[in-house]
Amino acid sequence: MCSYIDLHMHTKYSDDGQFEPAKLVDMCKEAGVKIMAIADHNTVNAIPEAIKQAQKNGMKYIPAIEIDCTYKDLNLHVLGYGIDYLDPVFNQIGKDIEDQEIASSLKKIELTNALGFDVAKDMLDTVSSNGVYTGEMFAEVLLKDERYLNHELLKPYREGKDRGDNPYVNFYWDYYSQGKPCYVEIQYLSLQETIQIINEHGGIAVLAHPGNNLKGKFELFDEMVKEGIQGVECFSSYHSEEVNKYFNEKAKEYNLLYTCGSDFHGKTKPSISLGHNGCKHPEEVETLLKKYELI
């Protein structure tokens, strides 16, 4: 089901995104999306161009960002909607994280090669523009390397196999996400600091795809509400209907903003389409967006 609201997607300004902002806005229009937000990882660089194109297309656009943070040693993503995107604080957050990621990328090469590969820096530079090497980039390089066509570790990510629907991001989740063999720790802001920054700059703090990030520890969401989280992305392309329903009911229980987002990236998540986020009643989300003065 395609919703006319999609409040979570990424452009080329995210390390794992693909498209130019104006192009992505046009793609949303073609998909039937009327209310949208680009929420790039720790950067607001796409917003000026996207706003201009959305206005040209007669669409409603909400300035947003997706910030990496931690809560009780769990890595989370928090969406900030309606932020003052002209304030330099947001891109400074991104710069601080990028510096750490560049340093950690060399360690990721070592850990990847320990799995039985021979990946060199120059191979990764063909898919990275800034020296940050993500798990998705390792997947792209390895899956295209003829030396590893029959490598056992890569077989699940081939077309038609168990993890072949979104091979790049699935490889990231299986090997580079928190707790996995190639994970390298980054020092992120705390959840509390992230909420404070978003609020101080006019935004609403919304927990992104909790069914994915909470790793089954759904009881933590109740604690996060006490910490000041103001909303939840209850409708997500990652969620089952059961998980959608659970967090929708939680949002209503706590009188929070609830949103819907596909988390569209492009080639790193090819099975995810714009507007496809499991939201069956987008008019309810639209009403809440008006209540929170986001549209």
C-alpha atoms as a PDB file:
ATOM      1  CA  MET A   1       0.000   0.000   0.000  1.00  0.00           C
ATOM      2  CA  CYS A   2       1.322   3.416  -0.983  1.00  0.00           C
ATOM      3  CA  SER A   3       0.746   6.316   1.393  1.00  0.00           C
ATOM      4  CA  TYR A   4       0.580   9.932   0.223  1.00  0.00           C
ATOM      5  CA  ILE A   5       2.783  10.776   3.216  1.00  0.00           C
ATOM      6  CA  ASP A   6       6.423   9.696   3.439  1.00  0.00           C
ATOM      7  CA  LEU A   7       8.506  11.377   6.119  1.00  0.00           C
ATOM      8  CA  HIS A   8      11.713   9.358   5.967  1.00  0.00           C
ATOM      9  CA  MET A   9      14.017   9.052   2.962  1.00  0.00           C
ATOM     10  CA  HIS A  10      17.628   9.771   2.053  1.00  0.00           C
ATOM     11  CA  THR A  11      19.552  11.613  -0.658  1.00  0.00           C
ATOM     12  CA  LYS A  12      23.173  11.416  -1.798  1.00  0.00           C
ATOM     13  CA  TYR A  13      24.085  13.510   1.252  1.00  0.00           C
ATOM     14  CA  SER A  14      23.673  10.363   3.352  1.00  0.00           C
ATOM     15  CA  ASP A  15      26.625   8.001   2.932  1.00  0.00           C
ATOM     16  CA  ASP A  16      24.211   5.247   1.918  1.00  0.00           C
ATOM     17  CA  GLY A  17      21.866   7.405  -0.201  1.00  0.00           C
ATOM     18  CA  GLN A  18      21.842   7.759  -3.978  1.00  0.00           C
ATOM     19  CA  PHE A  19      19.801  10.576  -5.513  1.00  0.00           C
ATOM     20  CA  GLU A  20      20.069  14.352  -5.807  1.00  0.00           C
ATOM     21  CA  PRO A  21      17.495  16.164  -3.620  1.00  0.00           C
ATOM     22  CA  ALA A  22      15.477  17.623  -6.518  1.00  0.00           C
ATOM     23  CA  LYS A  23      15.419  14.246  -8.256  1.00  0.00           C
ATOM     24  CA  LEU A  24      14.135  12.556  -5.104  1.00  0.00           C
ATOM     25  CA  VAL A  25      11.369  15.144  -4.731  1.00  0.00           C
ATOM     26  CA  ASP A  26      10.313  14.514  -8.327  1.00  0.00           C
ATOM     27  CA  MET A  27      10.335  10.772  -7.671  1.00  0.00           C
ATOM     28  CA  CYS A  28       8.040  11.332  -4.693  1.00  0.00           C
ATOM     29  CA  LYS A  29       5.615  13.273  -6.847  1.00  0.00           C
ATOM     30  CA  GLU A  30       5.609  10.484  -9.435  1.00  0.00           C
ATOM     31  CA  ALA A  31       4.920   7.959  -6.660  1.00  0.00           C
ATOM     32  CA  GLY A  32       1.909   9.924  -5.425  1.00  0.00           C
ATOM     33  CA  VAL A  33       3.535  11.340  -2.292  1.00  0.00           C
ATOM     34  CA  LYS A  34       2.071  14.753  -1.394  1.00  0.00           C
ATOM     35  CA  ILE A  35       3.607  15.358   2.041  1.00  0.00           C
ATOM     36  CA  MET A  36       7.287  14.507   2.411  1.00  0.00           C
ATOM     37  CA  ALA A  37      10.457  14.925   4.427  1.00  0.00           C
ATOM     38  CA  ILE A  38      14.030  14.059   3.581  1.00  0.00           C
ATOM     39  CA  ALA A  39      15.841  12.950   6.735  1.00  0.00           C
ATOM     40  CA  ASP A  40      19.480  12.477   5.830  1.00  0.00           C
ATOM     41  CA  HIS A  41      21.941  11.028   8.322  1.00  0.00           C
ATOM     42  CA  ASN A  42      23.333  13.833  10.493  1.00  0.00           C
ATOM     43  CA  THR A  43      23.141  16.504   7.789  1.00  0.00           C
ATOM     44  CA  VAL A  44      20.682  19.081   6.460  1.00  0.00           C
ATOM     45  CA  ASN A  45      22.500  19.804   3.196  1.00  0.00           C
ATOM     46  CA  ALA A  46      19.659  18.519   1.005  1.00  0.00           C
ATOM     47  CA  ILE A  47      16.933  20.697   2.480  1.00  0.00           C
ATOM     48  CA  PRO A  48      17.248  24.021   0.561  1.00  0.00           C
ATOM     49  CA  GLU A  49      17.191  22.319  -2.846  1.00  0.00           C
ATOM     50  CA  ALA A  50      14.417  19.944  -1.779  1.00  0.00           C
ATOM     51  CA  ILE A  51      12.187  22.732  -0.452  1.00  0.00           C
ATOM     52  CA  LYS A  52      12.540  24.661  -3.697  1.00  0.00           C
ATOM     53  CA  GLN A  53      11.633  21.619  -5.790  1.00  0.00           C
ATOM     54  CA  ALA A  54       8.721  20.660  -3.531  1.00  0.00           C
ATOM     55  CA  GLN A  55       7.280  24.167  -3.858  1.00  0.00           C
ATOM     56  CA  LYS A  56       7.654  23.925  -7.620  1.00  0.00           C
ATOM     57  CA  ASN A  57       5.751  20.623  -7.551  1.00  0.00           C
ATOM     58  CA  GLY A  58       3.011  21.884  -5.225  1.00  0.00           C
ATOM     59  CA  MET A  59       3.997  19.479  -2.439  1.00  0.00           C
ATOM     60  CA  LYS A  60       4.172  19.963   1.328  1.00  0.00           C
ATOM     61  CA  TYR A  61       7.700  19.628   2.694  1.00  0.00           C
ATOM     62  CA  ILE A  62       8.909  19.296   6.297  1.00  0.00           C
ATOM     63  CA  PRO A  63      12.590  20.092   7.096  1.00  0.00           C
ATOM     64  CA  ALA A  64      14.096  17.084   8.872  1.00  0.00           C
ATOM     65  CA  ILE A  65      17.222  15.218   9.922  1.00  0.00           C
ATOM     66  CA  GLU A  66      18.031  11.727  11.240  1.00  0.00           C
ATOM     67  CA  ILE A  67      20.545  11.869  14.084  1.00  0.00           C
ATOM     68  CA  ASP A  68      22.551   8.911  15.378  1.00  0.00           C
ATOM     69  CA  CYS A  69      22.524   8.704  19.166  1.00  0.00           C
ATOM     70  CA  THR A  70      22.707   6.216  22.039  1.00  0.00           C
ATOM     71  CA  TYR A  71      20.516   5.202  24.959  1.00  0.00           C
ATOM     72  CA  LYS A  72      21.671   2.606  27.483  1.00  0.00           C
ATOM     73  CA  ASP A  73      24.402   1.390  25.110  1.00  0.00           C
ATOM     74  CA  LEU A  74      21.900   0.930  22.279  1.00  0.00           C
ATOM     75  CA  ASN A  75      22.481   2.806  19.026  1.00  0.00           C
ATOM     76  CA  LEU A  76      19.358   4.652  17.900  1.00  0.00           C
ATOM     77  CA  HIS A  77      18.167   6.990  15.159  1.00  0.00           C
ATOM     78  CA  VAL A  78      16.101  10.021  16.141  1.00  0.00           C
ATOM     79  CA  LEU A  79      14.256  12.080  13.557  1.00  0.00           C
ATOM     80  CA  GLY A  80      14.003  15.822  14.061  1.00  0.00           C
ATOM     81  CA  TYR A  81      11.031  17.389  12.244  1.00  0.00           C
ATOM     82  CA  GLY A  82      10.429  21.096  11.735  1.00  0.00           C
ATOM     83  CA  ILE A  83      13.970  22.042  12.716  1.00  0.00           C
ATOM     84  CA  ASP A  84      15.694  25.340  11.994  1.00  0.00           C
ATOM     85  CA  TYR A  85      17.875  23.756   9.327  1.00  0.00           C
ATOM     86  CA  LEU A  86      19.873  26.964   8.780  1.00  0.00           C
ATOM     87  CA  ASP A  87      21.494  26.644  12.209  1.00  0.00           C
ATOM     88  CA  PRO A  88      25.044  25.229  11.844  1.00  0.00           C
ATOM     89  CA  VAL A  89      24.634  22.906  14.839  1.00  0.00           C
ATOM     90  CA  PHE A  90      23.190  20.097  12.725  1.00  0.00           C
ATOM     91  CA  ASN A  91      25.966  19.909  10.169  1.00  0.00           C
ATOM     92  CA  GLN A  92      28.513  20.219  12.983  1.00  0.00           C
ATOM     93  CA  ILE A  93      27.050  17.045  14.476  1.00  0.00           C
ATOM     94  CA  GLY A  94      27.536  15.411  11.099  1.00  0.00           C
ATOM     95  CA  LYS A  95      31.124  16.656  10.817  1.00  0.00           C
ATOM     96  CA  ASP A  96      32.012  15.250  14.244  1.00  0.00           C
ATOM     97  CA  ILE A  97      30.553  11.856  13.318  1.00  0.00           C
ATOM     98  CA  GLU A  98      32.146  11.836   9.866  1.00  0.00           C
ATOM     99  CA  ASP A  99      35.605  12.444  11.342  1.00  0.00           C
ATOM    100  CA  GLN A 100      35.162   9.401  13.573  1.00  0.00           C
ATOM    101  CA  GLU A 101      33.787   7.305  10.719  1.00  0.00           C
ATOM    102  CA  ILE A 102      36.769   8.079   8.492  1.00  0.00           C
ATOM    103  CA  ALA A 103      39.098   6.891  11.248  1.00  0.00           C
ATOM    104  CA  SER A 104      37.005   3.776  11.924  1.00  0.00           C
ATOM    105  CA  SER A 105      36.819   2.846   8.241  1.00  0.00           C
ATOM    106  CA  LEU A 106      40.412   1.599   8.194  1.00  0.00           C
ATOM    107  CA  LYS A 107      39.622  -0.687  11.127  1.00  0.00           C
ATOM    108  CA  LYS A 108      36.609  -2.012   9.212  1.00  0.00           C
ATOM    109  CA  ILE A 109      38.922  -3.052   6.381  1.00  0.00           C
ATOM    110  CA  GLU A 110      40.977  -5.115   8.844  1.00  0.00           C
ATOM    111  CA  LEU A 111      37.889  -6.752  10.341  1.00  0.00           C
ATOM    112  CA  THR A 112      36.417  -7.486   6.917  1.00  0.00           C
ATOM    113  CA  ASN A 113      39.606  -9.100   5.693  1.00  0.00           C
ATOM    114  CA  ALA A 114      39.655 -11.223   8.847  1.00  0.00           C
ATOM    115  CA  LEU A 115      36.479 -12.856   7.506  1.00  0.00           C
ATOM    116  CA  GLY A 116      38.458 -14.250   4.586  1.00  0.00           C
ATOM    117  CA  PHE A 117      38.520 -11.410   2.085  1.00  0.00           C
ATOM    118  CA  ASP A 118      41.219  -9.204   0.598  1.00  0.00           C
ATOM    119  CA  VAL A 119      39.703  -5.730   0.346  1.00  0.00           C
ATOM    120  CA  ALA A 120      41.976  -2.765  -0.366  1.00  0.00           C
ATOM    121  CA  LYS A 121      41.317   0.898   0.347  1.00  0.00           C
ATOM    122  CA  ASP A 122      41.423   1.862  -3.335  1.00  0.00           C
ATOM    123  CA  MET A 123      38.586  -0.589  -4.066  1.00  0.00           C
ATOM    124  CA  LEU A 124      36.359   1.158  -1.536  1.00  0.00           C
ATOM    125  CA  ASP A 125      37.313   4.589  -2.831  1.00  0.00           C
ATOM    126  CA  THR A 126      35.483   3.723  -6.057  1.00  0.00           C
ATOM    127  CA  VAL A 127      32.173   3.776  -4.141  1.00  0.00           C
ATOM    128  CA  SER A 128      32.959   6.346  -1.430  1.00  0.00           C
ATOM    129  CA  SER A 129      33.388  10.068  -2.009  1.00  0.00           C
ATOM    130  CA  ASN A 130      34.702  11.043   1.427  1.00  0.00           C
ATOM    131  CA  GLY A 131      36.747   8.193   2.884  1.00  0.00           C
ATOM    132  CA  VAL A 132      33.858   6.806   4.919  1.00  0.00           C
ATOM    133  CA  TYR A 133      33.361   3.112   4.189  1.00  0.00           C
ATOM    134  CA  THR A 134      29.966   1.759   5.213  1.00  0.00           C
ATOM    135  CA  GLY A 135      28.897  -1.854   5.457  1.00  0.00           C
ATOM    136  CA  GLU A 136      26.816  -1.324   2.342  1.00  0.00           C
ATOM    137  CA  MET A 137      29.934  -0.226   0.459  1.00  0.00           C
ATOM    138  CA  PHE A 138      31.834  -3.324   1.533  1.00  0.00           C
ATOM    139  CA  ALA A 139      28.909  -5.401   0.277  1.00  0.00           C
ATOM    140  CA  GLU A 140      28.841  -3.611  -3.068  1.00  0.00           C
ATOM    141  CA  VAL A 141      32.552  -4.139  -3.616  1.00  0.00           C
ATOM    142  CA  LEU A 142      32.600  -7.766  -2.465  1.00  0.00           C
ATOM    143  CA  LEU A 143      29.496  -8.883  -4.340  1.00  0.00           C
ATOM    144  CA  LYS A 144      30.920  -7.492  -7.582  1.00  0.00           C
ATOM    145  CA  ASP A 145      34.364  -9.019  -7.051  1.00  0.00           C
ATOM    146  CA  GLU A 146      34.775 -12.053  -9.331  1.00  0.00           C
ATOM    147  CA  ARG A 147      37.176 -13.622  -6.823  1.00  0.00           C
ATOM    148  CA  TYR A 148      34.278 -14.146  -4.445  1.00  0.00           C
ATOM    149  CA  LEU A 149      31.507 -15.337  -6.768  1.00  0.00           C
ATOM    150  CA  ASN A 150      31.271 -18.620  -4.854  1.00  0.00           C
ATOM    151  CA  HIS A 151      32.296 -17.396  -1.412  1.00  0.00           C
ATOM    152  CA  GLU A 152      30.100 -19.104   1.197  1.00  0.00           C
ATOM    153  CA  LEU A 153      29.690 -15.988   3.302  1.00  0.00           C
ATOM    154  CA  LEU A 154      28.285 -14.028   0.355  1.00  0.00           C
ATOM    155  CA  LYS A 155      25.876 -16.666  -0.956  1.00  0.00           C
ATOM    156  CA  PRO A 156      22.864 -15.488   1.138  1.00  0.00           C
ATOM    157  CA  TYR A 157      23.137 -12.026  -0.472  1.00  0.00           C
ATOM    158  CA  ARG A 158      22.967 -13.198  -4.080  1.00  0.00           C
ATOM    159  CA  GLU A 159      19.832 -12.636  -6.145  1.00  0.00           C
ATOM    160  CA  GLY A 160      17.038 -14.996  -5.147  1.00  0.00           C
ATOM    161  CA  LYS A 161      18.673 -16.033  -1.876  1.00  0.00           C
ATOM    162  CA  ASP A 162      17.490 -15.410   1.709  1.00  0.00           C
ATOM    163  CA  ARG A 163      19.166 -12.008   2.119  1.00  0.00           C
ATOM    164  CA  GLY A 164      19.147 -11.040  -1.546  1.00  0.00           C
ATOM    165  CA  ASP A 165      16.175  -8.647  -1.450  1.00  0.00           C
ATOM    166  CA  ASN A 166      18.294  -5.791  -0.036  1.00  0.00           C
ATOM    167  CA  PRO A 167      21.766  -7.337  -0.243  1.00  0.00           C
ATOM    168  CA  TYR A 168      23.846  -4.279   0.612  1.00  0.00           C
ATOM    169  CA  VAL A 169      22.003  -3.161   3.717  1.00  0.00           C
ATOM    170  CA  ASN A 170      21.394  -6.744   4.844  1.00  0.00           C
ATOM    171  CA  PHE A 171      25.147  -7.329   4.709  1.00  0.00           C
ATOM    172  CA  TYR A 172      25.584  -4.185   6.805  1.00  0.00           C
ATOM    173  CA  TRP A 173      23.062  -5.372   9.400  1.00  0.00           C
ATOM    174  CA  ASP A 174      24.598  -8.840   9.554  1.00  0.00           C
ATOM    175  CA  TYR A 175      28.248  -7.805   9.827  1.00  0.00           C
ATOM    176  CA  TYR A 176      28.677  -4.064  10.554  1.00  0.00           C
ATOM    177  CA  SER A 177      25.824  -3.094  12.860  1.00  0.00           C
ATOM    178  CA  GLN A 178      26.180  -2.903  16.626  1.00  0.00           C
ATOM    179  CA  GLY A 179      27.361  -6.190  18.122  1.00  0.00           C
ATOM    180  CA  LYS A 180      28.374  -7.752  14.791  1.00  0.00           C
ATOM    181  CA  PRO A 181      31.900  -8.933  13.742  1.00  0.00           C
ATOM    182  CA  CYS A 182      32.908  -5.801  11.793  1.00  0.00           C
ATOM    183  CA  TYR A 183      31.290  -3.204  14.047  1.00  0.00           C
ATOM    184  CA  VAL A 184      33.511  -0.319  15.136  1.00  0.00           C
ATOM    185  CA  GLU A 185      32.174   1.885  17.911  1.00  0.00           C
ATOM    186  CA  ILE A 186      31.466   5.560  17.246  1.00  0.00           C
ATOM    187  CA  GLN A 187      30.853   8.082  20.026  1.00  0.00           C
ATOM    188  CA  TYR A 188      27.400   9.489  19.370  1.00  0.00           C
ATOM    189  CA  LEU A 189      25.360  12.025  21.302  1.00  0.00           C
ATOM    190  CA  SER A 190      23.103  10.656  24.014  1.00  0.00           C
ATOM    191  CA  LEU A 191      19.363  10.410  23.430  1.00  0.00           C
ATOM    192  CA  GLN A 192      18.826  13.214  25.933  1.00  0.00           C
ATOM    193  CA  GLU A 193      21.333  15.510  24.203  1.00  0.00           C
ATOM    194  CA  THR A 194      19.762  14.783  20.825  1.00  0.00           C
ATOM    195  CA  ILE A 195      16.243  15.556  22.011  1.00  0.00           C
ATOM    196  CA  GLN A 196      17.472  18.792  23.599  1.00  0.00           C
ATOM    197  CA  ILE A 197      19.226  19.970  20.426  1.00  0.00           C
ATOM    198  CA  ILE A 198      16.189  19.210  18.264  1.00  0.00           C
ATOM    199  CA  ASN A 199      13.831  20.973  20.675  1.00  0.00           C
ATOM    200  CA  GLU A 200      16.092  24.002  21.110  1.00  0.00           C
ATOM    201  CA  HIS A 201      16.081  24.459  17.348  1.00  0.00           C
ATOM    202  CA  GLY A 202      12.340  24.343  16.871  1.00  0.00           C
ATOM    203  CA  GLY A 203      11.954  20.640  16.131  1.00  0.00           C
ATOM    204  CA  ILE A 204       9.977  17.629  17.293  1.00  0.00           C
ATOM    205  CA  ALA A 205      12.019  14.545  18.303  1.00  0.00           C
ATOM    206  CA  VAL A 206      10.674  11.278  16.871  1.00  0.00           C
ATOM    207  CA  LEU A 207      12.153   7.802  17.371  1.00  0.00           C
ATOM    208  CA  ALA A 208      12.864   6.207  13.978  1.00  0.00           C
ATOM    209  CA  HIS A 209      11.875   2.616  13.070  1.00  0.00           C
ATOM    210  CA  PRO A 210      11.788   1.319  16.675  1.00  0.00           C
ATOM    211  CA  GLY A 211      11.004  -2.208  15.536  1.00  0.00           C
ATOM    212  CA  ASN A 212      14.437  -2.224  13.947  1.00  0.00           C
ATOM    213  CA  ASN A 213      16.564  -0.234  16.395  1.00  0.00           C
ATOM    214  CA  LEU A 214      15.232  -1.451  19.743  1.00  0.00           C
ATOM    215  CA  LYS A 215      16.268  -5.029  18.921  1.00  0.00           C
ATOM    216  CA  GLY A 216      13.198  -6.489  20.631  1.00  0.00           C
ATOM    217  CA  LYS A 217      13.604  -4.404  23.806  1.00  0.00           C
ATOM    218  CA  PHE A 218      10.313  -2.611  23.226  1.00  0.00           C
ATOM    219  CA  GLU A 219       9.963  -1.825  26.943  1.00  0.00           C
ATOM    220  CA  LEU A 220      12.710   0.784  26.497  1.00  0.00           C
ATOM    221  CA  PHE A 221      10.295   2.937  24.528  1.00  0.00           C
ATOM    222  CA  ASP A 222       8.304   3.703  27.684  1.00  0.00           C
ATOM    223  CA  GLU A 223      11.509   4.942  29.310  1.00  0.00           C
ATOM    224  CA  MET A 224      12.343   7.067  26.272  1.00  0.00           C
ATOM    225  CA  VAL A 225       8.997   8.818  26.530  1.00  0.00           C
ATOM    226  CA  LYS A 226       9.964   9.831  30.069  1.00  0.00           C
ATOM    227  CA  GLU A 227      13.266  11.125  28.669  1.00  0.00           C
ATOM    228  CA  GLY A 228      11.338  13.448  26.365  1.00  0.00           C
ATOM    229  CA  ILE A 229      10.837  11.644  23.054  1.00  0.00           C
ATOM    230  CA  GLN A 230       7.829  13.322  21.434  1.00  0.00           C
ATOM    231  CA  GLY A 231       6.900  10.913  18.705  1.00  0.00           C
ATOM    232  CA  VAL A 232       7.471   7.562  17.070  1.00  0.00           C
ATOM    233  CA  GLU A 233       7.769   6.365  13.486  1.00  0.00           C
ATOM    234  CA  CYS A 234       5.280   3.579  14.107  1.00  0.00           C
ATOM    235  CA  PHE A 235       4.667   2.913  10.407  1.00  0.00           C
ATOM    236  CA  SER A 236       7.890   1.762   8.752  1.00  0.00           C
ATOM    237  CA  SER A 237       8.897  -0.408   5.828  1.00  0.00           C
ATOM    238  CA  TYR A 238      10.871  -2.506   8.327  1.00  0.00           C
ATOM    239  CA  HIS A 239       7.890  -3.288  10.552  1.00  0.00           C
ATOM    240  CA  SER A 240       5.397  -6.105  10.456  1.00  0.00           C
ATOM    241  CA  GLU A 241       1.740  -5.127  10.845  1.00  0.00           C
ATOM    242  CA  GLU A 242       1.984  -6.353  14.426  1.00  0.00           C
ATOM    243  CA  VAL A 243       4.887  -4.003  15.201  1.00  0.00           C
ATOM    244  CA  ASN A 244       3.139  -1.116  13.423  1.00  0.00           C
ATOM    245  CA  LYS A 245       0.078  -1.696  15.593  1.00  0.00           C
ATOM    246  CA  TYR A 246       2.106  -1.969  18.803  1.00  0.00           C
ATOM    247  CA  PHE A 247       3.834   1.385  18.398  1.00  0.00           C
ATOM    248  CA  ASN A 248       0.721   3.063  17.034  1.00  0.00           C
ATOM    249  CA  GLU A 249      -1.094   2.074  20.210  1.00  0.00           C
ATOM    250  CA  LYS A 250       1.850   3.257  22.312  1.00  0.00           C
ATOM    251  CA  ALA A 251       1.794   6.630  20.570  1.00  0.00           C
ATOM    252  CA  LYS A 252      -1.907   7.003  21.281  1.00  0.00           C
ATOM    253  CA  GLU A 253      -1.432   5.867  24.886  1.00  0.00           C
ATOM    254  CA  TYR A 254       1.134   8.609  25.498  1.00  0.00           C
ATOM    255  CA  ASN A 255      -0.528  11.177  23.210  1.00  0.00           C
ATOM    256  CA  LEU A 256       2.534  11.381  20.960  1.00  0.00           C
ATOM    257  CA  LEU A 257       3.061  12.324  17.342  1.00  0.00           C
ATOM    258  CA  TYR A 258       3.135   9.215  15.175  1.00  0.00           C
ATOM    259  CA  THR A 259       4.599   9.208  11.694  1.00  0.00           C
ATOM    260  CA  CYS A 260       5.195   7.021   8.652  1.00  0.00           C
ATOM    261  CA  GLY A 261       8.383   6.573   6.648  1.00  0.00           C
ATOM    262  CA  SER A 262       9.711   4.242   3.987  1.00  0.00           C
ATOM    263  CA  ASP A 263      13.408   4.927   4.728  1.00  0.00           C
ATOM    264  CA  PHE A 264      13.997   4.918   0.985  1.00  0.00           C
ATOM    265  CA  HIS A 265      17.686   5.027   0.027  1.00  0.00           C
ATOM    266  CA  GLY A 266      17.920   3.765  -3.543  1.00  0.00           C
ATOM    267  CA  LYS A 267      20.387   1.053  -4.504  1.00  0.00           C
ATOM    268  CA  THR A 268      21.300   0.060  -0.935  1.00  0.00           C
ATOM    269  CA  LYS A 269      17.672  -0.894  -0.217  1.00  0.00           C
ATOM    270  CA  PRO A 270      16.172  -1.764  -3.624  1.00  0.00           C
ATOM    271  CA  SER A 271      13.061  -3.475  -2.254  1.00  0.00           C
ATOM    272  CA  ILE A 272      11.949  -0.278  -0.478  1.00  0.00           C
ATOM    273  CA  SER A 273       9.758   2.080  -2.520  1.00  0.00           C
ATOM    274  CA  LEU A 274       8.732   5.669  -1.836  1.00  0.00           C
ATOM    275  CA  GLY A 275       5.423   5.897  -0.012  1.00  0.00           C
ATOM    276  CA  HIS A 276       5.439   2.228   0.982  1.00  0.00           C
ATOM    277  CA  ASN A 277       5.572   2.391   4.759  1.00  0.00           C
ATOM    278  CA  GLY A 278       2.611   0.362   6.012  1.00  0.00           C
ATOM    279  CA  CYS A 279       0.441   3.359   6.872  1.00  0.00           C
ATOM    280  CA  LYS A 280      -3.190   2.534   6.051  1.00  0.00           C
ATOM    281  CA  HIS A 281      -4.647   5.787   7.390  1.00  0.00           C
ATOM    282  CA  PRO A 282      -2.345   8.644   6.332  1.00  0.00           C
ATOM    283  CA  GLU A 283      -5.127  11.141   7.023  1.00  0.00           C
ATOM    284  CA  GLU A 284      -4.563  10.492  10.755  1.00  0.00           C
ATOM    285  CA  VAL A 285      -0.878  11.322  10.373  1.00  0.00           C
ATOM    286  CA  GLU A 286      -1.751  14.445   8.390  1.00  0.00           C
ATOM    287  CA  THR A 287      -4.053  15.611  11.190  1.00  0.00           C
ATOM    288  CA  LEU A 288      -1.245  15.184  13.716  1.00  0.00           C
ATOM    289  CA  LEU A 289       1.235  17.028  11.512  1.00  0.00           C
ATOM    290  CA  LYS A 290      -1.168  19.968  11.488  1.00  0.00           C
ATOM    291  CA  LYS A 291      -1.616  19.733  15.263  1.00  0.00           C
ATOM    292  CA  TYR A 292       2.159  19.956  15.729  1.00  0.00           C
ATOM    293  CA  GLU A 293       2.286  22.815  13.189  1.00  0.00           C
ATOM    294  CA  LEU A 294       4.639  20.892  10.914  1.00  0.00           C
ATOM    295  CA  ILE A 295       2.498  21.564   7.842  1.00  0.00           C
END
